[in-house]
Protein backbone atom coordinates (compact mmCIF):
# COMPACT_ATOMS: atom_id res chain seq x y z
CA MET A 1 21.33 84.58 185.85
CA PRO A 2 23.82 82.82 188.15
CA ASP A 3 25.02 79.31 187.39
CA ILE A 4 23.55 77.47 190.38
CA ARG A 5 25.69 74.34 189.85
CA ARG A 6 28.82 76.51 189.87
CA CYS A 7 27.67 78.34 192.98
CA GLU A 8 27.02 75.04 194.78
CA ARG A 9 30.67 74.12 194.23
CA ILE A 10 32.26 77.47 195.04
CA ARG A 11 34.37 75.92 197.81
CA TRP A 12 35.61 72.94 195.76
CA PRO A 13 38.76 74.30 194.04
CA ARG A 14 40.90 74.32 197.17
CA PRO A 15 40.18 70.70 198.23
CA VAL A 16 40.68 69.52 194.64
CA ILE A 17 44.06 71.26 194.50
CA GLU A 18 45.07 70.07 197.97
CA HIS A 19 44.16 66.46 197.13
CA SER A 20 45.65 66.49 193.64
CA GLY A 21 47.68 63.38 194.52
CA ASP A 22 44.48 61.36 194.79
CA THR A 23 44.04 58.85 191.96
CA ALA A 24 40.46 60.07 191.42
CA ILE A 25 41.81 63.39 190.10
CA LYS A 26 43.14 63.36 186.56
CA ILE A 27 45.94 65.89 186.09
CA TRP A 28 47.59 67.06 182.90
CA ALA A 29 49.20 70.15 181.43
CA ASN A 30 48.35 71.73 178.11
CA GLU A 31 48.63 74.98 176.25
CA ARG A 32 45.64 77.24 175.76
CA ARG A 33 45.92 80.52 173.93
CA GLY A 34 49.69 80.35 174.12
CA GLU A 35 49.75 79.92 177.89
CA LYS A 36 50.52 76.82 179.93
CA ARG A 37 47.54 75.50 181.88
CA ILE A 38 47.26 72.69 184.40
CA CYS A 39 43.97 70.79 184.40
CA LEU A 40 42.68 68.92 187.45
CA TRP A 41 39.57 66.93 186.62
CA LEU A 42 37.49 65.17 189.23
CA GLU A 43 35.58 63.21 186.63
CA ASP A 44 33.27 61.34 189.02
CA ALA A 45 32.02 64.64 190.44
CA GLU A 46 31.98 66.30 186.99
CA TYR A 47 34.27 69.12 188.13
CA LEU A 48 37.28 70.75 186.48
CA VAL A 49 39.85 73.13 187.98
CA ILE A 50 42.18 75.04 185.64
CA LEU A 51 45.42 76.53 186.94
CA ALA A 52 47.66 78.97 185.06
CA GLU A 53 51.41 78.57 185.38
CA ARG A 54 53.24 81.84 185.87
CA LYS A 55 56.87 82.66 186.57
CA GLY A 56 57.42 81.53 190.14
CA TYR A 57 53.82 80.68 191.05
CA ILE A 58 50.60 78.98 189.97
CA LEU A 59 47.33 80.89 189.71
CA LEU A 60 43.79 79.55 190.02
CA TRP A 61 42.36 80.39 186.62
CA THR A 62 38.83 78.94 186.74
CA ALA A 63 36.76 76.03 187.98
CA TYR A 64 33.43 74.73 186.77
CA ALA A 65 31.09 71.76 186.45
CA VAL A 66 31.53 69.61 183.35
CA GLU A 67 28.08 68.21 182.63
CA GLN A 68 27.80 68.04 178.86
CA GLU A 69 28.80 64.69 177.38
CA HIS A 70 30.66 66.30 174.47
CA SER A 71 32.77 68.30 176.97
CA LYS A 72 33.57 65.16 178.97
CA LYS A 73 34.55 63.37 175.76
CA LYS A 74 36.85 66.27 174.80
CA LEU A 75 38.50 66.23 178.23
CA ARG A 76 38.99 62.44 178.12
CA LYS A 77 40.64 62.77 174.71
CA GLU A 78 42.83 65.66 175.91
CA TYR A 79 43.89 63.73 179.03
CA ALA A 80 44.71 60.58 177.04
CA ALA A 81 46.82 62.58 174.58
CA ALA A 82 48.69 64.30 177.41
CA ILE A 83 49.56 61.12 179.30
CA ASN A 84 50.55 59.26 176.14
CA SER A 85 52.96 61.93 174.94
């Protein structure tokens, strides 16, 4: 069964990336499974874009709605740790 919320936002990754300088988008880097990832979180719209850093370029890895409160809490904690380090 398709994720309707994800389908509704299929065109969102590009504008989020293009407007990454906007203060509404929280940006931080982390490591997941031994690879560097860049997270762009539009918290007010409950939307997360994940980019993968490669040699010489950046790849869109995934993007999805963040609706569960425990997931939002985890992202807030991850963001705070990244900006305070």
